[in-house]
Structures are given as C-alpha cells and as structure tokens.
C-alpha atoms as a PDB file:
ATOM      1  CA  UNK A   1     114.327  88.480  87.847  1.00  0.00           C
ATOM      2  CA  UNK A   2     110.682  88.494  88.365  1.00  0.00           C
ATOM      3  CA  UNK A   3     110.203  88.873  92.146  1.00  0.00           C
ATOM      4  CA  UNK A   4     106.299  88.988  93.926  1.00  0.00           C
ATOM      5  CA  UNK A   5     105.700  91.818  95.243  1.00  0.00           C
ATOM      6  CA  UNK A   6     103.052  92.136  98.778  1.00  0.00           C
ATOM      7  CA  UNK A   7     101.274  95.380  99.406  1.00  0.00           C
ATOM      8  CA  UNK A   8     100.152  95.438 102.855  1.00  0.00           C
ATOM      9  CA  UNK A   9      97.262  98.444 104.428  1.00  0.00           C
ATOM     10  CA  UNK A  10      96.776  99.089 107.506  1.00  0.00           C
ATOM     11  CA  UNK A  11      99.700  97.159 108.938  1.00  0.00           C
ATOM     12  CA  UNK A  12     101.737 100.476 107.897  1.00  0.00           C
ATOM     13  CA  UNK A  13      99.826 102.444 110.372  1.00  0.00           C
ATOM     14  CA  UNK A  14     100.129 100.788 113.274  1.00  0.00           C
ATOM     15  CA  UNK A  15     102.982 101.973 115.977  1.00  0.00           C
ATOM     16  CA  UNK A  16     106.247 100.725 115.727  1.00  0.00           C
ATOM     17  CA  UNK A  17     106.563  98.468 117.220  1.00  0.00           C
ATOM     18  CA  UNK A  18     103.562  96.900 116.631  1.00  0.00           C
ATOM     19  CA  UNK A  19     104.116  97.367 113.079  1.00  0.00           C
ATOM     20  CA  UNK A  20     107.513  95.245 113.295  1.00  0.00           C
ATOM     21  CA  UNK A  21     104.969  92.510 115.360  1.00  0.00           C
ATOM     22  CA  UNK A  22     103.057  92.551 112.595  1.00  0.00           C
ATOM     23  CA  UNK A  23     104.987  91.809 109.761  1.00  0.00           C
ATOM     24  CA  UNK A  24     106.686  89.591 111.118  1.00  0.00           C
ATOM     25  CA  UNK A  25     103.694  87.843 111.692  1.00  0.00           C
ATOM     26  CA  UNK A  26     102.800  88.234 108.672  1.00  0.00           C
ATOM     27  CA  UNK A  27     106.384  86.490 106.610  1.00  0.00           C
ATOM     28  CA  UNK A  28     106.277  84.146 109.491  1.00  0.00           C
ATOM     29  CA  UNK A  29     102.456  82.950 108.176  1.00  0.00           C
ATOM     30  CA  UNK A  30     103.813  83.432 104.439  1.00  0.00           C
ATOM     31  CA  UNK A  31     106.526  81.626 104.616  1.00  0.00           C
ATOM     32  CA  UNK A  32     104.658  79.232 106.507  1.00  0.00           C
ATOM     33  CA  UNK A  33     102.061  78.681 103.596  1.00  0.00           C
ATOM     34  CA  UNK A  34     104.602  78.558 100.879  1.00  0.00           C
ATOM     35  CA  UNK A  35     106.003  75.821 102.631  1.00  0.00           C
ATOM     36  CA  UNK A  36     102.891  73.235 102.818  1.00  0.00           C
ATOM     37  CA  UNK A  37     103.371  73.794  98.633  1.00  0.00           C
ATOM     38  CA  UNK A  38     106.499  73.084  98.447  1.00  0.00           C
ATOM     39  CA  UNK A  39     107.865  76.037  97.458  1.00  0.00           C
ATOM     40  CA  UNK A  40     111.314  77.576  97.750  1.00  0.00           C
ATOM     41  CA  UNK A  41     111.361  81.211  98.397  1.00  0.00           C
ATOM     42  CA  UNK A  42     113.460  84.470 100.440  1.00  0.00           C
ATOM     43  CA  UNK A  43     112.068  87.712 101.925  1.00  0.00           C
ATOM     44  CA  UNK A  44     113.232  90.581 101.301  1.00  0.00           C
ATOM     45  CA  UNK A  45     112.055  93.440 103.142  1.00  0.00           C
ATOM     46  CA  UNK A  46     111.378  97.617 102.662  1.00  0.00           C
ATOM     47  CA  UNK A  47     109.229  99.594 103.368  1.00  0.00           C
ATOM     48  CA  UNK A  48     105.551  99.135 102.768  1.00  0.00           C
ATOM     49  CA  UNK A  49     106.423  96.115 100.953  1.00  0.00           C
ATOM     50  CA  UNK A  50     107.422  92.397 101.319  1.00  0.00           C
ATOM     51  CA  UNK A  51     109.337  90.770  98.190  1.00  0.00           C
ATOM     52  CA  UNK A  52     110.015  87.327  97.808  1.00  0.00           C
ATOM     53  CA  UNK A  53     112.246  85.885  95.890  1.00  0.00           C
ATOM     54  CA  UNK A  54     111.697  82.007  94.401  1.00  0.00           C
ATOM     55  CA  UNK A  55     111.941  80.062  91.451  1.00  0.00           C
ATOM     56  CA  UNK A  56     108.110  79.594  90.706  1.00  0.00           C
ATOM     57  CA  UNK A  57     106.589  83.503  90.918  1.00  0.00           C
ATOM     58  CA  UNK A  58     103.255  82.935  89.587  1.00  0.00           C
ATOM     59  CA  UNK A  59     103.050  79.911  92.348  1.00  0.00           C
ATOM     60  CA  UNK A  60     103.866  82.039  95.350  1.00  0.00           C
ATOM     61  CA  UNK A  61     101.566  84.964  94.417  1.00  0.00           C
ATOM     62  CA  UNK A  62      98.472  82.695  94.118  1.00  0.00           C
ATOM     63  CA  UNK A  63      99.409  81.099  97.332  1.00  0.00           C
ATOM     64  CA  UNK A  64     100.421  84.948  99.071  1.00  0.00           C
ATOM     65  CA  UNK A  65      97.117  86.104  97.967  1.00  0.00           C
ATOM     66  CA  UNK A  66      95.330  83.785 100.649  1.00  0.00           C
ATOM     67  CA  UNK A  67      97.078  85.562 103.763  1.00  0.00           C
ATOM     68  CA  UNK A  68      94.918  88.146 105.699  1.00  0.00           C
ATOM     69  CA  UNK A  69      96.776  91.134 106.225  1.00  0.00           C
ATOM     70  CA  UNK A  70      98.620  91.329 102.172  1.00  0.00           C
ATOM     71  CA  UNK A  71      96.556  93.857 100.597  1.00  0.00           C
ATOM     72  CA  UNK A  72      96.909  93.208  96.619  1.00  0.00           C
ATOM     73  CA  UNK A  73     100.254  90.674  95.494  1.00  0.00           C
ATOM     74  CA  UNK A  74     102.050  91.014  91.953  1.00  0.00           C
ATOM     75  CA  UNK A  75     104.590  88.945  89.640  1.00  0.00           C
ATOM     76  CA  UNK A  76     107.246  92.487  89.135  1.00  0.00           C
ATOM     77  CA  UNK A  77     110.265  92.626  87.272  1.00  0.00           C
ATOM     78  CA  UNK A  78     112.758  93.534  89.675  1.00  0.00           C
ATOM     79  CA  UNK A  79     115.454  96.188  87.361  1.00  0.00           C
ATOM     80  CA  UNK A  80     117.501  98.826  87.610  1.00  0.00           C
ATOM     81  CA  UNK A  81     116.121 102.265  88.936  1.00  0.00           C
ATOM     82  CA  UNK A  82     117.619 104.392  85.971  1.00  0.00           C
ATOM     83  CA  UNK A  83     114.665 105.677  82.419  1.00  0.00           C
ATOM     84  CA  UNK A  84     116.248 103.878  80.559  1.00  0.00           C
ATOM     85  CA  UNK A  85     115.915 100.306  82.314  1.00  0.00           C
ATOM     86  CA  UNK A  86     112.853 100.612  83.329  1.00  0.00           C
ATOM     87  CA  UNK A  87     111.470 101.801  79.745  1.00  0.00           C
ATOM     88  CA  UNK A  88     112.687  98.788  78.717  1.00  0.00           C
ATOM     89  CA  UNK A  89     111.365  96.739  80.884  1.00  0.00           C
ATOM     90  CA  UNK A  90     107.596  97.991  80.188  1.00  0.00           C
ATOM     91  CA  UNK A  91     108.179  98.214  76.949  1.00  0.00           C
ATOM     92  CA  UNK A  92     109.235  94.427  77.084  1.00  0.00           C
ATOM     93  CA  UNK A  93     105.957  93.739  79.356  1.00  0.00           C
ATOM     94  CA  UNK A  94     103.779  94.826  77.128  1.00  0.00           C
ATOM     95  CA  UNK A  95     104.334  92.750  74.171  1.00  0.00           C
ATOM     96  CA  UNK A  96     101.571  91.376  73.077  1.00  0.00           C
ATOM     97  CA  UNK A  97      98.678  93.367  74.695  1.00  0.00           C
ATOM     98  CA  UNK A  98      99.447  96.376  72.554  1.00  0.00           C
ATOM     99  CA  UNK A  99      96.400  96.319  69.217  1.00  0.00           C
ATOM    100  CA  UNK A 100      96.289  99.880  66.911  1.00  0.00           C
ATOM    101  CA  UNK A 101      94.885 102.054  68.748  1.00  0.00           C
ATOM    102  CA  UNK A 102      95.171 100.421  72.189  1.00  0.00           C
ATOM    103  CA  UNK A 103      94.647 102.784  75.415  1.00  0.00           C
ATOM    104  CA  UNK A 104      97.189 102.933  77.971  1.00  0.00           C
ATOM    105  CA  UNK A 105      98.449 104.425  81.002  1.00  0.00           C
ATOM    106  CA  UNK A 106     101.138 104.874  83.439  1.00  0.00           C
ATOM    107  CA  UNK A 107     101.333 105.129  86.958  1.00  0.00           C
ATOM    108  CA  UNK A 108     103.371 106.241  88.877  1.00  0.00           C
ATOM    109  CA  UNK A 109     105.343 105.722  92.491  1.00  0.00           C
ATOM    110  CA  UNK A 110     108.850 106.602  93.821  1.00  0.00           C
ATOM    111  CA  UNK A 111     109.818 106.434  97.299  1.00  0.00           C
ATOM    112  CA  UNK A 112     113.656 107.693  98.134  1.00  0.00           C
ATOM    113  CA  UNK A 113     114.223 108.297  95.184  1.00  0.00           C
ATOM    114  CA  UNK A 114     115.067 112.543  94.429  1.00  0.00           C
ATOM    115  CA  UNK A 115     115.922 114.590  91.476  1.00  0.00           C
ATOM    116  CA  UNK A 116     112.853 113.392  89.754  1.00  0.00           C
ATOM    117  CA  UNK A 117     108.877 112.993  90.347  1.00  0.00           C
ATOM    118  CA  UNK A 118     106.409 110.621  89.392  1.00  0.00           C
ATOM    119  CA  UNK A 119     105.474 112.544  86.511  1.00  0.00           C
ATOM    120  CA  UNK A 120     108.003 112.329  84.641  1.00  0.00           C
ATOM    121  CA  UNK A 121     108.573 108.723  85.318  1.00  0.00           C
ATOM    122  CA  UNK A 122     105.465 107.740  83.922  1.00  0.00           C
ATOM    123  CA  UNK A 123     105.622 110.206  80.926  1.00  0.00           C
ATOM    124  CA  UNK A 124     109.301 109.222  80.168  1.00  0.00           C
ATOM    125  CA  UNK A 125     107.646 105.208  80.074  1.00  0.00           C
ATOM    126  CA  UNK A 126     104.431 106.298  78.809  1.00  0.00           C
ATOM    127  CA  UNK A 127     106.914 107.472  75.945  1.00  0.00           C
ATOM    128  CA  UNK A 128     109.238 104.739  75.200  1.00  0.00           C
ATOM    129  CA  UNK A 129     105.804 102.550  74.877  1.00  0.00           C
ATOM    130  CA  UNK A 130     104.012 105.075  72.473  1.00  0.00           C
ATOM    131  CA  UNK A 131     107.207 104.622  70.590  1.00  0.00           C
ATOM    132  CA  UNK A 132     107.413 101.080  70.313  1.00  0.00           C
ATOM    133  CA  UNK A 133     103.787 101.524  69.140  1.00  0.00           C
ATOM    134  CA  UNK A 134     102.701 102.704  66.870  1.00  0.00           C
ATOM    135  CA  UNK A 135      98.541 103.987  66.744  1.00  0.00           C
ATOM    136  CA  UNK A 136      98.453 103.199  70.300  1.00  0.00           C
ATOM    137  CA  UNK A 137      97.351 106.301  72.273  1.00  0.00           C
ATOM    138  CA  UNK A 138      97.510 107.679  76.320  1.00  0.00           C
ATOM    139  CA  UNK A 139      94.110 107.458  78.240  1.00  0.00           C
ATOM    140  CA  UNK A 140      94.525 108.350  81.558  1.00  0.00           C
ATOM    141  CA  UNK A 141      90.666 107.938  83.005  1.00  0.00           C
ATOM    142  CA  UNK A 142      89.370 104.412  80.992  1.00  0.00           C
ATOM    143  CA  UNK A 143      92.585 102.514  79.923  1.00  0.00           C
ATOM    144  CA  UNK A 144      92.627  99.042  78.073  1.00  0.00           C
ATOM    145  CA  UNK A 145      96.192  98.483  79.560  1.00  0.00           C
ATOM    146  CA  UNK A 146      98.667  99.696  82.523  1.00  0.00           C
ATOM    147  CA  UNK A 147     101.871  99.434  83.519  1.00  0.00           C
ATOM    148  CA  UNK A 148     102.401 100.297  87.306  1.00  0.00           C
ATOM    149  CA  UNK A 149     105.650 101.431  88.346  1.00  0.00           C
ATOM    150  CA  UNK A 150     107.700 101.705  91.698  1.00  0.00           C
ATOM    151  CA  UNK A 151     111.184 103.229  92.265  1.00  0.00           C
ATOM    152  CA  UNK A 152     112.801 102.745  94.878  1.00  0.00           C
ATOM    153  CA  UNK A 153     115.897 103.450  96.791  1.00  0.00           C
ATOM    154  CA  UNK A 154     116.144  99.978  95.956  1.00  0.00           C
ATOM    155  CA  UNK A 155     115.532  99.555  92.195  1.00  0.00           C
ATOM    156  CA  UNK A 156     112.406  99.953  90.226  1.00  0.00           C
ATOM    157  CA  UNK A 157     109.513  97.403  89.887  1.00  0.00           C
ATOM    158  CA  UNK A 158     107.319  96.888  87.145  1.00  0.00           C
ATOM    159  CA  UNK A 159     104.180  94.984  86.706  1.00  0.00           C
ATOM    160  CA  UNK A 160     100.753  95.427  84.114  1.00  0.00           C
ATOM    161  CA  UNK A 161      98.659  92.921  86.531  1.00  0.00           C
ATOM    162  CA  UNK A 162      98.064  92.333  90.373  1.00  0.00           C
ATOM    163  CA  UNK A 163      95.894  89.804  92.591  1.00  0.00           C
ATOM    164  CA  UNK A 164      93.837  91.727  95.323  1.00  0.00           C
ATOM    165  CA  UNK A 165      93.866  90.341  98.524  1.00  0.00           C
ATOM    166  CA  UNK A 166      91.561  90.318 101.826  1.00  0.00           C
ATOM    167  CA  UNK A 167      93.104  92.753 104.264  1.00  0.00           C
ATOM    168  CA  UNK A 168      93.023  92.455 107.181  1.00  0.00           C
ATOM    169  CA  UNK A 169      96.203  91.671 110.186  1.00  0.00           C
ATOM    170  CA  UNK A 170      97.454  88.575 110.122  1.00  0.00           C
ATOM    171  CA  UNK A 171      96.830  85.195 111.544  1.00  0.00           C
ATOM    172  CA  UNK A 172      97.688  84.672 114.951  1.00  0.00           C
ATOM    173  CA  UNK A 173      98.068  88.413 116.459  1.00  0.00           C
ATOM    174  CA  UNK A 174      94.638  88.972 117.682  1.00  0.00           C
ATOM    175  CA  UNK A 175      94.591  86.165 120.256  1.00  0.00           C
ATOM    176  CA  UNK A 176      92.553  82.331 120.041  1.00  0.00           C
ATOM    177  CA  UNK A 177      88.540  81.873 119.521  1.00  0.00           C
ATOM    178  CA  UNK A 178      85.778  79.355 119.043  1.00  0.00           C
ATOM    179  CA  UNK A 179      83.514  79.894 116.451  1.00  0.00           C
ATOM    180  CA  UNK A 180      79.795  77.461 116.865  1.00  0.00           C
ATOM    181  CA  UNK A 181      79.982  75.847 112.880  1.00  0.00           C
ATOM    182  CA  UNK A 182      76.276  75.184 111.290  1.00  0.00           C
ATOM    183  CA  UNK A 183      75.550  73.935 107.205  1.00  0.00           C
ATOM    184  CA  UNK A 184      73.966  76.951 106.833  1.00  0.00           C
ATOM    185  CA  UNK A 185      76.846  80.685 105.276  1.00  0.00           C
ATOM    186  CA  UNK A 186      76.057  82.929 108.686  1.00  0.00           C
ATOM    187  CA  UNK A 187      78.947  80.880 110.726  1.00  0.00           C
ATOM    188  CA  UNK A 188      81.367  80.547 108.171  1.00  0.00           C
ATOM    189  CA  UNK A 189      81.282  83.913 107.404  1.00  0.00           C
ATOM    190  CA  UNK A 190      81.671  84.726 110.615  1.00  0.00           C
ATOM    191  CA  UNK A 191      84.686  82.887 111.256  1.00  0.00           C
ATOM    192  CA  UNK A 192      85.909  83.536 107.852  1.00  0.00           C
ATOM    193  CA  UNK A 193      85.437  87.906 109.069  1.00  0.00           C
ATOM    194  CA  UNK A 194      87.589  87.105 112.348  1.00  0.00           C
ATOM    195  CA  UNK A 195      89.949  85.314 110.961  1.00  0.00           C
ATOM    196  CA  UNK A 196      90.352  88.549 108.850  1.00  0.00           C
ATOM    197  CA  UNK A 197      90.535  90.180 112.417  1.00  0.00           C
ATOM    198  CA  UNK A 198      93.805  88.384 112.777  1.00  0.00           C
ATOM    199  CA  UNK A 199      91.923  85.320 114.952  1.00  0.00           C
ATOM    200  CA  UNK A 200      93.584  82.025 115.393  1.00  0.00           C
ATOM    201  CA  UNK A 201      90.297  80.505 115.183  1.00  0.00           C
ATOM    202  CA  UNK A 202      89.014  76.494 115.539  1.00  0.00           C
ATOM    203  CA  UNK A 203      85.693  75.130 115.027  1.00  0.00           C
ATOM    204  CA  UNK A 204      83.002  73.239 117.445  1.00  0.00           C
ATOM    205  CA  UNK A 205      80.480  71.719 115.073  1.00  0.00           C
ATOM    206  CA  UNK A 206      77.120  69.937 117.195  1.00  0.00           C
ATOM    207  CA  UNK A 207      76.106  66.878 115.103  1.00  0.00           C
ATOM    208  CA  UNK A 208      72.520  66.756 115.609  1.00  0.00           C
ATOM    209  CA  UNK A 209      72.889  62.475 114.024  1.00  0.00           C
ATOM    210  CA  UNK A 210      69.249  61.264 112.889  1.00  0.00           C
ATOM    211  CA  UNK A 211      67.720  64.888 114.236  1.00  0.00           C
ATOM    212  CA  UNK A 212      69.219  66.572 111.490  1.00  0.00           C
ATOM    213  CA  UNK A 213      69.768  66.633 108.182  1.00  0.00           C
ATOM    214  CA  UNK A 214      71.710  63.966 106.381  1.00  0.00           C
ATOM    215  CA  UNK A 215      74.144  66.128 104.800  1.00  0.00           C
ATOM    216  CA  UNK A 216      74.918  68.835 108.194  1.00  0.00           C
ATOM    217  CA  UNK A 217      77.672  67.432 109.081  1.00  0.00           C
ATOM    218  CA  UNK A 218      79.495  66.836 105.976  1.00  0.00           C
ATOM    219  CA  UNK A 219      78.497  70.514 104.620  1.00  0.00           C
ATOM    220  CA  UNK A 220      80.366  71.625 108.303  1.00  0.00           C
ATOM    221  CA  UNK A 221      83.057  69.817 107.182  1.00  0.00           C
ATOM    222  CA  UNK A 222      83.105  71.380 103.840  1.00  0.00           C
ATOM    223  CA  UNK A 223      83.083  74.539 105.131  1.00  0.00           C
ATOM    224  CA  UNK A 224      85.506  73.871 108.146  1.00  0.00           C
ATOM    225  CA  UNK A 225      87.336  72.779 104.590  1.00  0.00           C
ATOM    226  CA  UNK A 226      87.469  75.848 102.721  1.00  0.00           C
ATOM    227  CA  UNK A 227      88.465  77.495 106.127  1.00  0.00           C
ATOM    228  CA  UNK A 228      91.040  75.939 106.289  1.00  0.00           C
ATOM    229  CA  UNK A 229      92.890  77.236 102.668  1.00  0.00           C
ATOM    230  CA  UNK A 230      92.723  80.648 104.134  1.00  0.00           C
ATOM    231  CA  UNK A 231      94.998  79.666 106.909  1.00  0.00           C
ATOM    232  CA  UNK A 232      97.704  77.515 104.860  1.00  0.00           C
ATOM    233  CA  UNK A 233     100.898  75.964 106.746  1.00  0.00           C
ATOM    234  CA  UNK A 234      98.276  76.124 109.938  1.00  0.00           C
ATOM    235  CA  UNK A 235      96.402  73.242 111.360  1.00  0.00           C
ATOM    236  CA  UNK A 236      92.784  74.356 112.057  1.00  0.00           C
ATOM    237  CA  UNK A 237      90.760  72.399 114.480  1.00  0.00           C
ATOM    238  CA  UNK A 238      87.236  71.181 114.256  1.00  0.00           C
ATOM    239  CA  UNK A 239      85.662  70.334 117.169  1.00  0.00           C
ATOM    240  CA  UNK A 240      82.983  67.604 116.629  1.00  0.00           C
ATOM    241  CA  UNK A 241      80.262  67.323 119.292  1.00  0.00           C
ATOM    242  CA  UNK A 242      77.434  64.289 119.206  1.00  0.00           C
ATOM    243  CA  UNK A 243      74.450  66.100 120.854  1.00  0.00           C
ATOM    244  CA  UNK A 244      72.342  62.822 119.863  1.00  0.00           C
ATOM    245  CA  UNK A 245      71.949  61.188 123.003  1.00  0.00           C
ATOM    246  CA  UNK A 246      71.201  64.583 124.545  1.00  0.00           C
ATOM    247  CA  UNK A 247      68.621  65.641 121.922  1.00  0.00           C
ATOM    248  CA  UNK A 248      67.524  61.607 123.003  1.00  0.00           C
ATOM    249  CA  UNK A 249      67.092  62.892 126.252  1.00  0.00           C
ATOM    250  CA  UNK A 250      64.685  66.171 126.216  1.00  0.00           C
ATOM    251  CA  UNK A 251      62.630  64.605 123.553  1.00  0.00           C
ATOM    252  CA  UNK A 252      61.544  61.371 125.638  1.00  0.00           C
ATOM    253  CA  UNK A 253      58.473  61.879 127.297  1.00  0.00           C
ATOM    254  CA  UNK A 254      58.091  60.253 130.401  1.00  0.00           C
ATOM    255  CA  UNK A 255      54.979  58.645 131.990  1.00  0.00           C
END
C-alpha cells in the first residue's frame, strides 16, 4: 500500500518529554490541515517518522509539505522487509523511468533490523534493478534516477521522490506573537520566519487610508492570505487599524 512518510528534523534532538509534546503538536497541526481539505487520514507513529494512511496519498503529501516542523514528505510503498519484496517494489516503481544507459543509485538505511547492513540492502536492490533494466548503470555520485529504501522493524518504505518541507518547530509550540504587517516584503518574511520557529502569529496592519497608496491595504491583505496557507486549519487573525484620522490630526496646522 502507499503511505505518506513524514520526516521531522530538530524535534528529534529534544528531550523525551519535549519531543513527545512537539510530536503531539505536529500531528495535531497535520490533522487540522488535512481536515480543512476534507482528507481522511490515520496516523502511525514510529521513531523519527510519522506515517499517514489515507485514500489520497498524493494530496495528503502536498498538504503536509507546508506544515512547520516537517523537513521532508514522501509518498512511499509500504512492504515487507524481506529483500525479495523490497526488490520487487523497487523494480515496479522504476517502470517508465529507465531508458538505455540510465544511471541509478539505491540509497538504503535500516533501523531495528539485524542480520543485514544498509550496504547489503542497497546492493541487493541495485542488482534487481540492473537485471530488470538491461543497459542501465550504477552511478552513486550523479545518478539520473534514485530509489530510497528504509527498512524498519514494521516493514520497508520504498520511494523515488520527496517533497522538501520548511522544517522549524510546530505552529503554536512557542506561544503567541503579533507582527506589524505592511505592503512591503520585509514584514511578511519576518512573520513567516516567526511562524517557522513555532509562534502562533496574528497580524496588525495600520491602514493609512488616503495617506497610503491605493493598493497598500489590499497588498497587506494578500500577504496575510498567503501567510495563512502555512497554518491551514488554524485561523490567523488580521487586525486593521484605521489611522486616517490620526494622520489628519498630525498634519493639520494651527492658525
């Protein structure tokens, strides 16, 4: 079956209580985002990995790839952890990707599995690909095609592409903050970076009315809308302050 594999980064380096809290927050955030898109799902937690089962793995992967705290998302084939099963899946996934002379590499890793090394797994799977696609060649430095294999105690994950994700810390784990949002580029970038570090953000825009450009407010609203796509499932508040009367007051000259 196909599952979505979530790989997180610095969360793994935290103490066990903090790591559990962060992973709970991460799965909550993923779940909220998937619910907002109407995607059914089920989580399966393993050391260093989160697996998501659902009817539409490709869409699940796209939504999850925009969640802070995740460094990589991949749609994987979940199979048994025997070399024969893994090799068969790798050969099947490579269909249509090979032509005469295609260079390839197998990147293998294992955890909780004894009796075989990562190098032996890569060699066995590579041999199966080489035999299945005559004329192909191994190139570990600059391959045209790569297949990744993770062998774990619960089975093996085989995939050939992954979606880079923003990393950082899960939304909401570092408290709440307010950002001053303008029509420029600096403020939305700063807000995004704070979101990446786990802050639950709200935005404040000072609307200058006729003292500002005609598109200043709409641009700030557009910035906020884009930022909101990075915390799907959670409302991100935008506060608008009408400052036109204030500017009237400070620009009025007395007799």
